[in-house]
Amino acid sequence: MLKKSSNPYGKCWKGVFEARNPNKYVGKEAAIFRSRLERKVMSALDTSPHVLQWASEQPLIPYIHPVRTLQEGKQVVWNYHPDFLIKLTDGNKTWIELVEIKPAKQTKMPLPWGKGRSKKLAEYEAETYAVNIAKWERAIQFCEEKGWKFRIVTEQTLDAYIRSIL
């Protein structure tokens, strides 16, 4: 089931992924995609012989929310839900990866407001970027503690990532 939803960047697709290989999906709840990129990754995870198991939006990783902390004047802890937790094999060894799917625009320092850019949009993008960095720094630390890998996949790296797991 596909449904259009609005966000500050425009419309995106979201829905519940229906797996062909439901035994691979070990998530606690239904696999919900919030973009076409996430849906494409889910399809690859579902069919790849190198993917042993996968889950969406797991595990929960606590992090210090930089914007709320600044607004409230005290540390505010929120939970980060990475897009995918994946157990992979190459036939000889197995490993676990946490994967975050993001538009490339959200992985780079945003442009300042002015010259046709509204202050509201520039502030929203700056807050989004700050929150993403806080999440990813904590995810990297979390993965290092467990011996896992952490990846950020964008529309620019999506096809290469999918080829790497197929």
C-alpha atoms as a PDB file:
ATOM      1  CA  MET A   1       0.000   0.000   0.000  1.00  0.00           C
ATOM      2  CA  LEU A   2       1.457   3.355  -1.023  1.00  0.00           C
ATOM      3  CA  LYS A   3       0.470   6.678   0.390  1.00  0.00           C
ATOM      4  CA  LYS A   4       1.768  10.161  -0.326  1.00  0.00           C
ATOM      5  CA  SER A   5       2.845  12.173   2.682  1.00  0.00           C
ATOM      6  CA  SER A   6       4.078  15.721   2.948  1.00  0.00           C
ATOM      7  CA  ASN A   7       7.340  16.925   4.416  1.00  0.00           C
ATOM      8  CA  PRO A   8       9.276  20.191   4.053  1.00  0.00           C
ATOM      9  CA  TYR A   9      11.070  18.787   0.979  1.00  0.00           C
ATOM     10  CA  GLY A  10       7.877  17.908  -0.847  1.00  0.00           C
ATOM     11  CA  LYS A  11       5.928  14.698  -1.221  1.00  0.00           C
ATOM     12  CA  CYS A  12       7.311  11.232  -0.562  1.00  0.00           C
ATOM     13  CA  TRP A  13       5.939   7.727  -0.645  1.00  0.00           C
ATOM     14  CA  LYS A  14       5.329   5.582   2.398  1.00  0.00           C
ATOM     15  CA  GLY A  15       3.682   2.269   3.119  1.00  0.00           C
ATOM     16  CA  VAL A  16       4.034  -1.215   4.576  1.00  0.00           C
ATOM     17  CA  PHE A  17       6.544  -3.467   2.822  1.00  0.00           C
ATOM     18  CA  GLU A  18       5.219  -6.890   1.904  1.00  0.00           C
ATOM     19  CA  ALA A  19       8.131  -9.330   1.987  1.00  0.00           C
ATOM     20  CA  ARG A  20       8.450 -12.265  -0.402  1.00  0.00           C
ATOM     21  CA  ASN A  21      10.732 -13.909   2.156  1.00  0.00           C
ATOM     22  CA  PRO A  22       9.039 -13.067   5.460  1.00  0.00           C
ATOM     23  CA  ASN A  23      11.312 -15.467   7.365  1.00  0.00           C
ATOM     24  CA  LYS A  24      14.200 -12.997   6.844  1.00  0.00           C
ATOM     25  CA  TYR A  25      12.351 -10.096   8.410  1.00  0.00           C
ATOM     26  CA  VAL A  26      12.850 -10.204  12.180  1.00  0.00           C
ATOM     27  CA  GLY A  27      11.478  -6.787  13.085  1.00  0.00           C
ATOM     28  CA  LYS A  28       9.178  -6.375  16.043  1.00  0.00           C
ATOM     29  CA  GLU A  29       6.683  -4.427  13.950  1.00  0.00           C
ATOM     30  CA  ALA A  30       5.755  -4.241  10.274  1.00  0.00           C
ATOM     31  CA  ALA A  31       8.419  -2.912   7.918  1.00  0.00           C
ATOM     32  CA  ILE A  32       7.299   0.602   7.018  1.00  0.00           C
ATOM     33  CA  PHE A  33       9.092   2.510   4.286  1.00  0.00           C
ATOM     34  CA  ARG A  34       8.995   6.275   4.320  1.00  0.00           C
ATOM     35  CA  SER A  35      10.609   6.872   0.952  1.00  0.00           C
ATOM     36  CA  ARG A  36      11.185   5.206  -2.392  1.00  0.00           C
ATOM     37  CA  LEU A  37      14.824   4.759  -1.392  1.00  0.00           C
ATOM     38  CA  GLU A  38      13.864   2.785   1.729  1.00  0.00           C
ATOM     39  CA  ARG A  39      11.441   0.673  -0.303  1.00  0.00           C
ATOM     40  CA  LYS A  40      14.167  -0.133  -2.833  1.00  0.00           C
ATOM     41  CA  VAL A  41      16.539  -1.202  -0.047  1.00  0.00           C
ATOM     42  CA  MET A  42      13.828  -3.353   1.527  1.00  0.00           C
ATOM     43  CA  SER A  43      13.316  -5.159  -1.776  1.00  0.00           C
ATOM     44  CA  ALA A  44      17.049  -5.859  -2.003  1.00  0.00           C
ATOM     45  CA  LEU A  45      17.224  -7.054   1.619  1.00  0.00           C
ATOM     46  CA  ASP A  46      14.254  -9.333   1.048  1.00  0.00           C
ATOM     47  CA  THR A  47      15.741 -11.035  -2.031  1.00  0.00           C
ATOM     48  CA  SER A  48      19.501 -10.987  -1.413  1.00  0.00           C
ATOM     49  CA  PRO A  49      21.063 -14.382  -0.636  1.00  0.00           C
ATOM     50  CA  HIS A  50      23.683 -12.520   1.435  1.00  0.00           C
ATOM     51  CA  VAL A  51      21.100 -11.090   3.821  1.00  0.00           C
ATOM     52  CA  LEU A  52      20.348 -13.568   6.586  1.00  0.00           C
ATOM     53  CA  GLN A  53      18.053 -11.330   8.626  1.00  0.00           C
ATOM     54  CA  TRP A  54      16.895  -7.751   8.687  1.00  0.00           C
ATOM     55  CA  ALA A  55      14.707  -5.426  10.708  1.00  0.00           C
ATOM     56  CA  SER A  56      13.551  -1.865  10.269  1.00  0.00           C
ATOM     57  CA  GLU A  57      13.818   0.942  12.796  1.00  0.00           C
ATOM     58  CA  GLN A  58      15.798  -1.141  15.270  1.00  0.00           C
ATOM     59  CA  PRO A  59      17.570  -1.035  17.679  1.00  0.00           C
ATOM     60  CA  LEU A  60      16.763   2.072  19.701  1.00  0.00           C
ATOM     61  CA  ILE A  61      19.880   4.143  20.320  1.00  0.00           C
ATOM     62  CA  PRO A  62      19.637   6.923  22.918  1.00  0.00           C
ATOM     63  CA  TYR A  63      21.332  10.214  21.980  1.00  0.00           C
ATOM     64  CA  ILE A  64      21.456  13.781  23.221  1.00  0.00           C
ATOM     65  CA  HIS A  65      19.047  15.837  21.093  1.00  0.00           C
ATOM     66  CA  PRO A  66      21.041  19.016  20.343  1.00  0.00           C
ATOM     67  CA  VAL A  67      18.125  21.292  19.445  1.00  0.00           C
ATOM     68  CA  ARG A  68      15.900  20.339  22.392  1.00  0.00           C
ATOM     69  CA  THR A  69      18.888  20.495  24.734  1.00  0.00           C
ATOM     70  CA  LEU A  70      19.625  24.026  23.573  1.00  0.00           C
ATOM     71  CA  GLN A  71      15.964  25.065  23.814  1.00  0.00           C
ATOM     72  CA  GLU A  72      15.405  23.589  27.276  1.00  0.00           C
ATOM     73  CA  GLY A  73      18.798  24.409  28.796  1.00  0.00           C
ATOM     74  CA  LYS A  74      19.353  20.831  29.973  1.00  0.00           C
ATOM     75  CA  GLN A  75      20.306  17.548  28.313  1.00  0.00           C
ATOM     76  CA  VAL A  76      17.372  15.990  26.506  1.00  0.00           C
ATOM     77  CA  VAL A  77      17.745  12.329  25.553  1.00  0.00           C
ATOM     78  CA  TRP A  78      15.787  10.956  22.598  1.00  0.00           C
ATOM     79  CA  ASN A  79      15.907   7.597  20.852  1.00  0.00           C
ATOM     80  CA  TYR A  80      17.307   7.160  17.374  1.00  0.00           C
ATOM     81  CA  HIS A  81      15.719   4.434  15.247  1.00  0.00           C
ATOM     82  CA  PRO A  82      18.143   3.549  12.411  1.00  0.00           C
ATOM     83  CA  ASP A  83      16.378   2.550   9.218  1.00  0.00           C
ATOM     84  CA  PHE A  84      17.806  -0.968   9.045  1.00  0.00           C
ATOM     85  CA  LEU A  85      19.546  -3.576  11.168  1.00  0.00           C
ATOM     86  CA  ILE A  86      20.966  -6.198   8.801  1.00  0.00           C
ATOM     87  CA  LYS A  87      22.768  -9.492   9.373  1.00  0.00           C
ATOM     88  CA  LEU A  88      24.859 -10.343   6.301  1.00  0.00           C
ATOM     89  CA  THR A  89      27.121 -13.150   5.140  1.00  0.00           C
ATOM     90  CA  ASP A  90      29.653 -13.616   2.364  1.00  0.00           C
ATOM     91  CA  GLY A  91      29.569 -17.398   2.783  1.00  0.00           C
ATOM     92  CA  ASN A  92      32.560 -17.428   5.137  1.00  0.00           C
ATOM     93  CA  LYS A  93      31.763 -14.857   7.791  1.00  0.00           C
ATOM     94  CA  THR A  94      28.763 -12.952   9.074  1.00  0.00           C
ATOM     95  CA  TRP A  95      28.503  -9.353  10.230  1.00  0.00           C
ATOM     96  CA  ILE A  96      25.903  -6.829  11.265  1.00  0.00           C
ATOM     97  CA  GLU A  97      25.296  -3.404   9.789  1.00  0.00           C
ATOM     98  CA  LEU A  98      23.103  -0.515  10.817  1.00  0.00           C
ATOM     99  CA  VAL A  99      22.039   1.436   7.755  1.00  0.00           C
ATOM    100  CA  GLU A 100      20.481   4.887   7.581  1.00  0.00           C
ATOM    101  CA  ILE A 101      18.821   6.057   4.359  1.00  0.00           C
ATOM    102  CA  LYS A 102      18.860   9.825   3.896  1.00  0.00           C
ATOM    103  CA  PRO A 103      18.625  12.307   1.056  1.00  0.00           C
ATOM    104  CA  ALA A 104      22.161  13.533   0.303  1.00  0.00           C
ATOM    105  CA  LYS A 105      20.968  17.054   1.042  1.00  0.00           C
ATOM    106  CA  GLN A 106      20.452  16.095   4.704  1.00  0.00           C
ATOM    107  CA  THR A 107      24.003  14.750   5.061  1.00  0.00           C
ATOM    108  CA  LYS A 108      25.699  18.068   4.273  1.00  0.00           C
ATOM    109  CA  MET A 109      25.903  21.398   6.047  1.00  0.00           C
ATOM    110  CA  PRO A 110      22.923  23.404   4.768  1.00  0.00           C
ATOM    111  CA  LEU A 111      23.237  26.742   3.036  1.00  0.00           C
ATOM    112  CA  PRO A 112      22.505  29.899   5.046  1.00  0.00           C
ATOM    113  CA  TRP A 113      19.348  31.877   4.444  1.00  0.00           C
ATOM    114  CA  GLY A 114      19.263  34.758   2.020  1.00  0.00           C
ATOM    115  CA  LYS A 115      19.493  35.057  -1.746  1.00  0.00           C
ATOM    116  CA  GLY A 116      16.141  33.413  -2.324  1.00  0.00           C
ATOM    117  CA  ARG A 117      16.310  31.034   0.664  1.00  0.00           C
ATOM    118  CA  SER A 118      13.860  31.676   3.469  1.00  0.00           C
ATOM    119  CA  LYS A 119      15.088  31.956   7.018  1.00  0.00           C
ATOM    120  CA  LYS A 120      12.511  29.365   8.124  1.00  0.00           C
ATOM    121  CA  LEU A 121      13.777  26.764   5.631  1.00  0.00           C
ATOM    122  CA  ALA A 122      17.420  27.485   6.469  1.00  0.00           C
ATOM    123  CA  GLU A 123      16.699  27.062  10.197  1.00  0.00           C
ATOM    124  CA  TYR A 124      14.777  23.839   9.598  1.00  0.00           C
ATOM    125  CA  GLU A 125      17.626  22.399   7.513  1.00  0.00           C
ATOM    126  CA  ALA A 126      20.230  23.464  10.102  1.00  0.00           C
ATOM    127  CA  GLU A 127      18.258  21.792  12.906  1.00  0.00           C
ATOM    128  CA  THR A 128      17.750  18.644  10.835  1.00  0.00           C
ATOM    129  CA  TYR A 129      21.463  18.484  10.071  1.00  0.00           C
ATOM    130  CA  ALA A 130      22.441  19.002  13.733  1.00  0.00           C
ATOM    131  CA  VAL A 131      20.076  16.246  14.859  1.00  0.00           C
ATOM    132  CA  ASN A 132      21.322  13.882  12.128  1.00  0.00           C
ATOM    133  CA  ILE A 133      24.953  14.442  13.146  1.00  0.00           C
ATOM    134  CA  ALA A 134      24.121  13.763  16.817  1.00  0.00           C
ATOM    135  CA  LYS A 135      22.290  10.553  15.865  1.00  0.00           C
ATOM    136  CA  TRP A 136      25.062   9.330  13.596  1.00  0.00           C
ATOM    137  CA  GLU A 137      27.865  10.069  16.038  1.00  0.00           C
ATOM    138  CA  ARG A 138      26.014   8.060  18.678  1.00  0.00           C
ATOM    139  CA  ALA A 139      25.260   5.258  16.180  1.00  0.00           C
ATOM    140  CA  ILE A 140      28.942   5.026  15.227  1.00  0.00           C
ATOM    141  CA  GLN A 141      29.882   4.736  18.898  1.00  0.00           C
ATOM    142  CA  PHE A 142      27.115   2.159  19.477  1.00  0.00           C
ATOM    143  CA  CYS A 143      28.304   0.065  16.510  1.00  0.00           C
ATOM    144  CA  GLU A 144      31.958   0.254  17.546  1.00  0.00           C
ATOM    145  CA  GLU A 145      31.006  -1.074  20.991  1.00  0.00           C
ATOM    146  CA  LYS A 146      29.269  -4.053  19.378  1.00  0.00           C
ATOM    147  CA  GLY A 147      31.695  -4.689  16.513  1.00  0.00           C
ATOM    148  CA  TRP A 148      29.052  -3.683  13.949  1.00  0.00           C
ATOM    149  CA  LYS A 149      29.278  -1.424  10.904  1.00  0.00           C
ATOM    150  CA  PHE A 150      27.324   1.796  10.365  1.00  0.00           C
ATOM    151  CA  ARG A 151      26.487   3.176   6.926  1.00  0.00           C
ATOM    152  CA  ILE A 152      24.640   6.179   5.615  1.00  0.00           C
ATOM    153  CA  VAL A 153      23.161   5.558   2.175  1.00  0.00           C
ATOM    154  CA  THR A 154      21.889   8.383  -0.034  1.00  0.00           C
ATOM    155  CA  GLU A 155      20.304   8.485  -3.474  1.00  0.00           C
ATOM    156  CA  GLN A 156      23.848   8.987  -4.786  1.00  0.00           C
ATOM    157  CA  THR A 157      25.215   5.801  -3.165  1.00  0.00           C
ATOM    158  CA  LEU A 158      22.067   3.660  -3.204  1.00  0.00           C
ATOM    159  CA  ASP A 159      22.773   1.597  -6.319  1.00  0.00           C
ATOM    160  CA  ALA A 160      26.351   0.832  -5.224  1.00  0.00           C
ATOM    161  CA  TYR A 161      25.094  -0.200  -1.772  1.00  0.00           C
ATOM    162  CA  ILE A 162      22.456  -2.489  -3.223  1.00  0.00           C
ATOM    163  CA  ARG A 163      25.025  -4.101  -5.538  1.00  0.00           C
ATOM    164  CA  SER A 164      27.258  -4.688  -2.500  1.00  0.00           C
ATOM    165  CA  ILE A 165      24.583  -6.719  -0.705  1.00  0.00           C
ATOM    166  CA  LEU A 166      23.256  -8.671  -3.697  1.00  0.00           C
END
